[in-house]
Every structure is written in structure tokens, then in C-alpha cells.
N, C-alpha and C. Protein backbone atom coordinates (compact mmCIF):
# COMPACT_ATOMS: atom_id res chain seq x y z
N MET A 1 -78.20 66.16 36.86
CA MET A 1 -78.83 66.55 35.69
C MET A 1 -78.73 65.33 34.61
N ASP A 2 -79.86 65.05 33.91
CA ASP A 2 -79.92 63.99 32.98
C ASP A 2 -79.00 64.43 31.76
N LYS A 3 -78.26 63.50 31.24
CA LYS A 3 -77.73 63.73 30.01
C LYS A 3 -78.65 63.83 28.65
N PRO A 4 -78.35 64.89 27.82
CA PRO A 4 -79.38 65.13 26.80
C PRO A 4 -79.39 63.91 25.74
N ALA A 5 -80.36 63.42 25.15
CA ALA A 5 -80.51 62.43 24.24
C ALA A 5 -79.85 62.75 22.98
N ASP A 6 -79.04 61.59 22.51
CA ASP A 6 -78.32 61.84 21.27
C ASP A 6 -79.33 61.94 20.11
N PRO A 7 -79.10 62.84 19.29
CA PRO A 7 -79.86 62.87 18.02
C PRO A 7 -80.13 61.73 17.18
N PRO A 8 -81.15 61.47 16.66
CA PRO A 8 -81.35 60.10 15.82
C PRO A 8 -80.52 60.14 14.67
N VAL A 9 -80.19 58.91 14.13
CA VAL A 9 -79.31 58.77 13.00
C VAL A 9 -80.34 58.43 11.80
N THR A 10 -80.10 59.13 10.60
CA THR A 10 -80.95 58.88 9.56
C THR A 10 -80.05 58.12 8.55
N GLY A 11 -80.69 57.18 7.98
CA GLY A 11 -80.00 56.20 7.00
C GLY A 11 -80.85 56.14 5.74
N LYS A 12 -80.06 55.23 4.92
CA LYS A 12 -80.88 55.03 3.58
C LYS A 12 -80.89 53.27 3.28
N ILE A 13 -81.81 52.77 2.96
CA ILE A 13 -82.02 51.33 2.72
C ILE A 13 -81.26 50.97 1.42
N VAL A 14 -80.30 50.28 1.37
CA VAL A 14 -79.35 49.85 0.14
C VAL A 14 -80.19 48.64 -0.34
N SER A 15 -80.33 47.72 0.32
CA SER A 15 -81.09 46.52 -0.14
C SER A 15 -82.00 45.94 1.01
N ALA A 16 -82.91 45.11 0.62
CA ALA A 16 -83.96 44.44 1.47
C ALA A 16 -84.14 43.00 0.79
N GLN A 17 -84.01 41.98 1.55
CA GLN A 17 -84.39 40.60 1.19
C GLN A 17 -85.28 40.00 2.15
N ASP A 18 -86.14 39.11 1.63
CA ASP A 18 -87.09 38.33 2.35
C ASP A 18 -86.09 37.21 3.04
N SER A 19 -86.57 37.01 4.26
CA SER A 19 -85.85 35.75 4.90
C SER A 19 -86.97 34.95 5.60
N GLY A 20 -87.02 33.79 5.98
CA GLY A 20 -87.93 33.21 6.77
C GLY A 20 -88.64 33.65 7.99
N SER A 21 -88.10 34.75 8.63
CA SER A 21 -88.49 35.20 9.71
C SER A 21 -88.78 36.85 9.51
N GLY A 22 -88.87 37.25 8.49
CA GLY A 22 -89.03 38.70 8.21
C GLY A 22 -88.24 39.17 7.08
N VAL A 23 -87.72 40.39 7.07
CA VAL A 23 -87.14 41.15 5.98
C VAL A 23 -85.59 41.51 6.64
N ILE A 24 -84.57 41.23 5.93
CA ILE A 24 -83.22 41.72 6.05
C ILE A 24 -82.94 42.95 5.45
N LEU A 25 -82.57 43.90 6.16
CA LEU A 25 -82.22 45.29 5.55
C LEU A 25 -80.72 45.56 5.65
N GLN A 26 -80.14 46.01 4.48
CA GLN A 26 -78.88 46.55 4.67
C GLN A 26 -78.95 48.09 4.38
N ILE A 27 -78.39 48.91 5.40
CA ILE A 27 -78.70 50.34 5.37
C ILE A 27 -77.43 51.00 5.63
N SER A 28 -77.29 52.03 4.67
CA SER A 28 -76.22 52.99 4.57
C SER A 28 -76.38 54.07 5.69
N VAL A 29 -75.34 54.34 6.56
CA VAL A 29 -75.52 55.26 7.60
C VAL A 29 -74.17 56.04 7.50
N PRO A 30 -74.17 57.37 7.99
CA PRO A 30 -72.76 58.21 8.16
C PRO A 30 -72.01 57.67 8.94
N ALA A 31 -70.60 57.85 8.60
CA ALA A 31 -69.58 57.45 9.46
C ALA A 31 -69.57 58.25 10.76
N GLY A 32 -69.02 57.36 11.79
CA GLY A 32 -69.15 57.82 13.16
C GLY A 32 -70.45 58.10 13.76
N HIS A 33 -71.38 57.07 13.40
CA HIS A 33 -72.72 57.20 13.80
C HIS A 33 -72.94 56.78 15.14
N GLY A 34 -72.23 56.01 15.79
CA GLY A 34 -72.41 55.54 17.23
C GLY A 34 -73.42 54.41 17.33
N LEU A 35 -73.75 53.83 16.27
CA LEU A 35 -74.81 52.71 16.48
C LEU A 35 -74.23 51.56 16.96
N LYS A 36 -74.98 50.58 17.80
CA LYS A 36 -74.73 49.41 18.28
C LYS A 36 -75.65 48.26 18.06
N LYS A 37 -75.12 47.21 17.96
CA LYS A 37 -75.90 45.94 17.72
C LYS A 37 -77.08 45.94 18.85
N GLY A 38 -78.50 45.54 18.31
CA GLY A 38 -79.48 45.65 19.19
C GLY A 38 -80.32 46.79 19.23
N MET A 39 -79.66 47.90 18.81
CA MET A 39 -80.73 49.24 18.68
C MET A 39 -81.54 49.04 17.80
N SER A 40 -82.73 49.78 17.84
CA SER A 40 -83.93 49.57 16.90
C SER A 40 -84.32 50.92 16.31
N GLY A 41 -84.88 50.80 15.13
CA GLY A 41 -85.19 51.89 14.33
C GLY A 41 -86.58 51.72 13.71
N LYS A 42 -86.71 52.54 12.67
CA LYS A 42 -87.96 52.33 11.74
C LYS A 42 -87.81 52.90 10.31
N VAL A 43 -88.65 52.41 9.47
CA VAL A 43 -88.65 52.81 8.16
C VAL A 43 -89.53 54.01 8.06
N ASN A 44 -88.96 55.26 7.64
CA ASN A 44 -89.83 56.35 7.74
C ASN A 44 -91.05 56.25 6.69
N GLY A 45 -92.32 56.74 7.12
CA GLY A 45 -93.43 56.57 6.28
C GLY A 45 -94.12 55.25 6.12
N LEU A 46 -93.67 54.42 6.88
CA LEU A 46 -94.35 53.02 6.94
C LEU A 46 -94.91 52.51 8.18
N SER A 47 -95.98 52.29 8.47
CA SER A 47 -96.50 51.88 9.72
C SER A 47 -95.79 50.57 10.01
N LYS A 48 -95.79 50.02 11.28
CA LYS A 48 -95.39 48.76 11.77
C LYS A 48 -93.99 48.42 11.04
N SER A 49 -93.12 49.34 10.94
CA SER A 49 -92.01 49.12 10.33
C SER A 49 -90.69 48.98 11.20
N GLY A 50 -90.99 48.68 12.49
CA GLY A 50 -89.65 48.56 13.37
C GLY A 50 -88.65 47.46 12.86
N PHE A 51 -87.41 47.91 13.17
CA PHE A 51 -86.38 46.98 12.99
C PHE A 51 -85.38 46.90 14.08
N ARG A 52 -84.56 45.77 14.16
CA ARG A 52 -83.43 45.77 15.36
C ARG A 52 -82.17 45.42 14.39
N ILE A 53 -81.00 46.31 14.74
CA ILE A 53 -79.86 46.16 14.20
C ILE A 53 -79.13 44.78 14.61
N THR A 54 -78.50 44.14 13.73
CA THR A 54 -78.00 42.81 13.99
C THR A 54 -76.39 42.91 13.58
N ARG A 55 -76.03 43.75 12.88
CA ARG A 55 -74.57 43.85 12.46
C ARG A 55 -74.19 45.34 12.10
N VAL A 56 -73.11 45.82 12.71
CA VAL A 56 -72.68 47.27 12.60
C VAL A 56 -71.43 47.36 11.94
N GLY A 57 -71.32 48.09 10.78
CA GLY A 57 -69.96 48.34 10.18
C GLY A 57 -69.85 49.92 10.21
N ASN A 58 -68.74 50.40 9.56
CA ASN A 58 -68.42 51.82 9.56
C ASN A 58 -69.52 52.66 8.85
N ARG A 59 -69.83 52.25 7.69
CA ARG A 59 -70.92 52.89 7.09
C ARG A 59 -72.13 52.14 6.51
N ARG A 60 -72.24 50.98 7.17
CA ARG A 60 -73.32 50.10 6.77
C ARG A 60 -73.76 49.39 7.94
N ILE A 61 -75.00 49.08 8.03
CA ILE A 61 -75.62 48.20 9.00
C ILE A 61 -76.48 47.35 8.51
N ASP A 62 -76.58 46.17 9.05
CA ASP A 62 -77.57 44.96 8.81
C ASP A 62 -78.63 45.18 9.97
N ALA A 63 -79.97 45.00 9.39
CA ALA A 63 -80.98 44.95 10.43
C ALA A 63 -82.14 44.02 9.94
N ARG A 64 -82.84 43.49 11.01
CA ARG A 64 -84.02 42.52 10.61
C ARG A 64 -85.44 43.14 11.01
N MET A 65 -86.29 42.93 10.18
CA MET A 65 -87.61 43.45 10.54
C MET A 65 -88.51 42.20 10.52
N SER A 66 -89.11 42.04 11.76
CA SER A 66 -89.94 40.74 11.84
C SER A 66 -91.54 41.11 11.71
N THR A 67 -92.01 42.42 11.75
CA THR A 67 -93.15 42.68 11.47
C THR A 67 -93.69 42.71 10.12
N ILE A 68 -92.75 42.86 9.03
CA ILE A 68 -93.17 42.87 7.87
C ILE A 68 -92.45 41.71 7.24
N LYS A 69 -93.06 40.73 6.37
CA LYS A 69 -92.62 39.49 5.89
C LYS A 69 -92.14 39.48 4.52
N SER A 70 -92.40 40.73 3.91
CA SER A 70 -91.97 40.83 2.41
C SER A 70 -91.30 42.07 2.16
N ALA A 71 -90.05 42.09 1.60
CA ALA A 71 -89.57 43.32 1.09
C ALA A 71 -90.36 44.06 0.21
N LYS A 72 -91.36 43.59 -0.68
CA LYS A 72 -92.25 44.24 -1.59
C LYS A 72 -93.07 45.29 -0.74
N LYS A 73 -93.43 44.92 0.47
CA LYS A 73 -94.25 45.92 1.22
C LYS A 73 -93.61 47.14 1.64
N LEU A 74 -92.21 47.17 1.31
CA LEU A 74 -91.45 48.46 1.57
C LEU A 74 -91.79 49.39 0.53
N GLY A 75 -92.05 49.05 -0.65
CA GLY A 75 -92.37 49.86 -1.69
C GLY A 75 -91.09 50.79 -2.09
N ALA A 76 -91.51 52.05 -2.22
CA ALA A 76 -90.45 52.89 -2.55
C ALA A 76 -89.71 53.59 -1.32
N LYS A 77 -89.96 53.12 -0.08
CA LYS A 77 -89.53 53.65 1.04
C LYS A 77 -88.15 53.34 1.34
N LYS A 78 -87.33 54.34 1.48
CA LYS A 78 -85.82 54.13 1.50
C LYS A 78 -85.03 54.69 2.83
N SER A 79 -85.87 55.43 3.38
CA SER A 79 -85.30 56.47 4.62
C SER A 79 -85.58 55.83 5.84
N VAL A 80 -84.67 55.61 6.68
CA VAL A 80 -84.86 54.95 8.02
C VAL A 80 -84.33 55.98 9.11
N THR A 81 -84.85 56.03 10.40
CA THR A 81 -84.38 56.68 11.49
C THR A 81 -84.16 55.63 12.70
N ILE A 82 -83.00 55.92 13.15
CA ILE A 82 -82.49 55.06 14.25
C ILE A 82 -82.34 55.97 15.56
N ARG A 83 -82.97 55.82 16.66
CA ARG A 83 -82.74 56.43 17.84
C ARG A 83 -81.88 55.78 18.71
N LYS A 84 -80.80 56.81 19.09
CA LYS A 84 -79.90 56.24 20.18
C LYS A 84 -80.26 56.35 21.48
N LYS A 85 -80.30 55.36 22.51
CA LYS A 85 -80.80 55.64 23.71
C LYS A 85 -79.58 55.79 24.66
């Protein structure tokens, strides 16, 4: 029998900064989230908003978006979803 999928983790964007290769996000997540470097997620309500986690802390993660080149394009979007595989 296959193991059931872990529920997704919801987080909130704390900061977004432009970089030469996209946008760097700092995201607040709940403690005990079980996230790992290399996992991917998306900004809720924004198309083509995928990101990949680059650093994991207890309640904060860093991620890089390469499909969006300006933090201004995030607008008021602050919620993210990360699916654990």
C-alpha cells in the first residue's frame, strides 16, 4: 500500500527581493514543517509563480523564483503553498 501524501504547508511571504536571476523570497512557515532544500512551491493566486527552496530554518525558509524577475509582480500576494513529496 502506498504511503498517503503529506498535506501541503502554507506559508507567508515576509520579504521579496530582486536578484539577477529572479526573485528571492523569505517565507514564514509553521515550526515542525518538515520542508527540505530543493522542494518547490507556488505563490497562491499568481500564475507562473513557482519557486524552489534554497535554505531551511525552523520557522523561515528562503526560496528563489526564476520565472518572475521583479518582486513588484507579486503585488499584494503573500500566501504560498509548498507540497511535500
